[in-house]
């Protein structure tokens, strides 16, 4: 089991052959906060286990395109909405 758990708040990061983007959770043995830079990348530590509010944080950090992809993967209908706040509201209502 990985020693640390982070959410990527800003930027992109490569770790273990994978590219992570904003909102992704990264499990690693490395303290990624040492890579934080005000102008390009920021990691935020999360607890040893992913709590429900972590999922909400991930949603809040997603772009509109990412939210639409997330909704499509869960077969959530967003055909009548275009605004980010409305998309978030629908996803949260369906995901509970």
C-alpha atoms as a PDB file:
ATOM      1  CA  UNK A   1       0.000   0.000   0.000  1.00  0.00           C
ATOM      2  CA  UNK A   2       1.232   3.483  -0.882  1.00  0.00           C
ATOM      3  CA  UNK A   3       2.470   5.656   1.926  1.00  0.00           C
ATOM      4  CA  UNK A   4       0.879   8.914   0.697  1.00  0.00           C
ATOM      5  CA  UNK A   5      -2.311   9.943  -1.045  1.00  0.00           C
ATOM      6  CA  UNK A   6      -2.674  13.274  -2.873  1.00  0.00           C
ATOM      7  CA  UNK A   7      -5.174  15.052  -5.060  1.00  0.00           C
ATOM      8  CA  UNK A   8      -3.613  17.036  -7.891  1.00  0.00           C
ATOM      9  CA  UNK A   9      -5.112  20.492  -7.459  1.00  0.00           C
ATOM     10  CA  UNK A  10      -3.331  22.261 -10.313  1.00  0.00           C
ATOM     11  CA  UNK A  11      -1.199  21.232 -13.289  1.00  0.00           C
ATOM     12  CA  UNK A  12      -0.116  17.818 -14.602  1.00  0.00           C
ATOM     13  CA  UNK A  13       2.178  15.213 -13.106  1.00  0.00           C
ATOM     14  CA  UNK A  14       3.867  12.027 -14.327  1.00  0.00           C
ATOM     15  CA  UNK A  15       4.236   9.217 -11.808  1.00  0.00           C
ATOM     16  CA  UNK A  16       4.752   5.499 -12.364  1.00  0.00           C
ATOM     17  CA  UNK A  17       4.323   5.711 -16.130  1.00  0.00           C
ATOM     18  CA  UNK A  18       1.003   7.546 -15.895  1.00  0.00           C
ATOM     19  CA  UNK A  19       0.100  11.182 -16.488  1.00  0.00           C
ATOM     20  CA  UNK A  20      -2.200  12.688 -13.872  1.00  0.00           C
ATOM     21  CA  UNK A  21      -4.362  15.758 -14.399  1.00  0.00           C
ATOM     22  CA  UNK A  22      -6.221  18.132 -12.117  1.00  0.00           C
ATOM     23  CA  UNK A  23      -8.580  16.301  -9.775  1.00  0.00           C
ATOM     24  CA  UNK A  24      -6.818  12.933  -9.999  1.00  0.00           C
ATOM     25  CA  UNK A  25      -5.897  11.021  -6.854  1.00  0.00           C
ATOM     26  CA  UNK A  26      -2.284   9.825  -6.739  1.00  0.00           C
ATOM     27  CA  UNK A  27      -1.146   7.075  -4.395  1.00  0.00           C
ATOM     28  CA  UNK A  28       2.622   7.030  -3.988  1.00  0.00           C
ATOM     29  CA  UNK A  29       5.503   6.439  -1.625  1.00  0.00           C
ATOM     30  CA  UNK A  30       6.813   9.948  -2.391  1.00  0.00           C
ATOM     31  CA  UNK A  31       5.823  13.197  -0.694  1.00  0.00           C
ATOM     32  CA  UNK A  32       4.581  15.115  -3.731  1.00  0.00           C
ATOM     33  CA  UNK A  33       4.098  18.396  -1.872  1.00  0.00           C
ATOM     34  CA  UNK A  34       7.821  19.044  -2.439  1.00  0.00           C
ATOM     35  CA  UNK A  35       6.896  19.598  -6.106  1.00  0.00           C
ATOM     36  CA  UNK A  36       4.354  22.353  -5.345  1.00  0.00           C
ATOM     37  CA  UNK A  37       4.989  25.531  -7.328  1.00  0.00           C
ATOM     38  CA  UNK A  38       2.699  28.531  -7.072  1.00  0.00           C
ATOM     39  CA  UNK A  39       2.646  29.092 -10.839  1.00  0.00           C
ATOM     40  CA  UNK A  40       2.258  25.564 -12.218  1.00  0.00           C
ATOM     41  CA  UNK A  41       1.529  22.583  -9.962  1.00  0.00           C
ATOM     42  CA  UNK A  42      -0.039  21.904  -6.576  1.00  0.00           C
ATOM     43  CA  UNK A  43      -0.704  18.731  -4.613  1.00  0.00           C
ATOM     44  CA  UNK A  44      -2.947  18.449  -1.578  1.00  0.00           C
ATOM     45  CA  UNK A  45      -2.642  15.501   0.803  1.00  0.00           C
ATOM     46  CA  UNK A  46      -5.748  13.453   1.485  1.00  0.00           C
ATOM     47  CA  UNK A  47      -6.264  10.881   4.213  1.00  0.00           C
ATOM     48  CA  UNK A  48      -5.212   7.250   4.097  1.00  0.00           C
ATOM     49  CA  UNK A  49      -8.620   6.335   2.765  1.00  0.00           C
ATOM     50  CA  UNK A  50     -10.667   8.253   0.236  1.00  0.00           C
ATOM     51  CA  UNK A  51     -13.559   9.838   2.083  1.00  0.00           C
ATOM     52  CA  UNK A  52     -16.823  10.851   0.385  1.00  0.00           C
ATOM     53  CA  UNK A  53     -15.831  14.524   0.481  1.00  0.00           C
ATOM     54  CA  UNK A  54     -12.731  13.642  -1.557  1.00  0.00           C
ATOM     55  CA  UNK A  55     -14.995  12.593  -4.439  1.00  0.00           C
ATOM     56  CA  UNK A  56     -16.778  15.925  -4.121  1.00  0.00           C
ATOM     57  CA  UNK A  57     -13.424  17.736  -4.143  1.00  0.00           C
ATOM     58  CA  UNK A  58     -12.480  15.842  -7.292  1.00  0.00           C
ATOM     59  CA  UNK A  59     -15.696  16.949  -8.985  1.00  0.00           C
ATOM     60  CA  UNK A  60     -15.153  20.565  -7.925  1.00  0.00           C
ATOM     61  CA  UNK A  61     -11.702  20.536  -9.524  1.00  0.00           C
ATOM     62  CA  UNK A  62     -12.795  19.064 -12.862  1.00  0.00           C
ATOM     63  CA  UNK A  63     -13.183  21.113 -16.022  1.00  0.00           C
ATOM     64  CA  UNK A  64     -16.504  21.150 -17.892  1.00  0.00           C
ATOM     65  CA  UNK A  65     -15.095  18.623 -20.380  1.00  0.00           C
ATOM     66  CA  UNK A  66     -13.975  16.330 -17.552  1.00  0.00           C
ATOM     67  CA  UNK A  67     -17.373  16.627 -15.854  1.00  0.00           C
ATOM     68  CA  UNK A  68     -19.140  15.733 -19.099  1.00  0.00           C
ATOM     69  CA  UNK A  69     -16.867  12.724 -19.555  1.00  0.00           C
ATOM     70  CA  UNK A  70     -17.506  11.666 -15.956  1.00  0.00           C
ATOM     71  CA  UNK A  71     -21.274  12.015 -16.450  1.00  0.00           C
ATOM     72  CA  UNK A  72     -21.181  10.069 -19.719  1.00  0.00           C
ATOM     73  CA  UNK A  73     -19.301   7.215 -18.044  1.00  0.00           C
ATOM     74  CA  UNK A  74     -22.129   6.988 -15.498  1.00  0.00           C
ATOM     75  CA  UNK A  75     -24.870   7.493 -18.102  1.00  0.00           C
ATOM     76  CA  UNK A  76     -25.986  10.793 -16.545  1.00  0.00           C
ATOM     77  CA  UNK A  77     -27.990  12.897 -19.006  1.00  0.00           C
ATOM     78  CA  UNK A  78     -26.602  16.431 -19.382  1.00  0.00           C
ATOM     79  CA  UNK A  79     -28.298  17.237 -22.684  1.00  0.00           C
ATOM     80  CA  UNK A  80     -30.187  20.262 -21.316  1.00  0.00           C
ATOM     81  CA  UNK A  81     -27.333  21.927 -19.403  1.00  0.00           C
ATOM     82  CA  UNK A  82     -24.169  23.764 -20.382  1.00  0.00           C
ATOM     83  CA  UNK A  83     -23.145  25.716 -17.292  1.00  0.00           C
ATOM     84  CA  UNK A  84     -20.567  24.139 -15.004  1.00  0.00           C
ATOM     85  CA  UNK A  85     -22.605  24.791 -11.840  1.00  0.00           C
ATOM     86  CA  UNK A  86     -25.662  23.081 -13.342  1.00  0.00           C
ATOM     87  CA  UNK A  87     -23.582  20.104 -14.481  1.00  0.00           C
ATOM     88  CA  UNK A  88     -22.127  19.733 -10.984  1.00  0.00           C
ATOM     89  CA  UNK A  89     -25.580  19.959  -9.431  1.00  0.00           C
ATOM     90  CA  UNK A  90     -26.949  17.171 -11.624  1.00  0.00           C
ATOM     91  CA  UNK A  91     -23.958  14.894 -11.073  1.00  0.00           C
ATOM     92  CA  UNK A  92     -24.092  15.385  -7.310  1.00  0.00           C
ATOM     93  CA  UNK A  93     -27.838  14.743  -7.271  1.00  0.00           C
ATOM     94  CA  UNK A  94     -27.427  11.463  -9.167  1.00  0.00           C
ATOM     95  CA  UNK A  95     -24.304  10.283  -7.330  1.00  0.00           C
ATOM     96  CA  UNK A  96     -25.900  11.137  -4.008  1.00  0.00           C
END
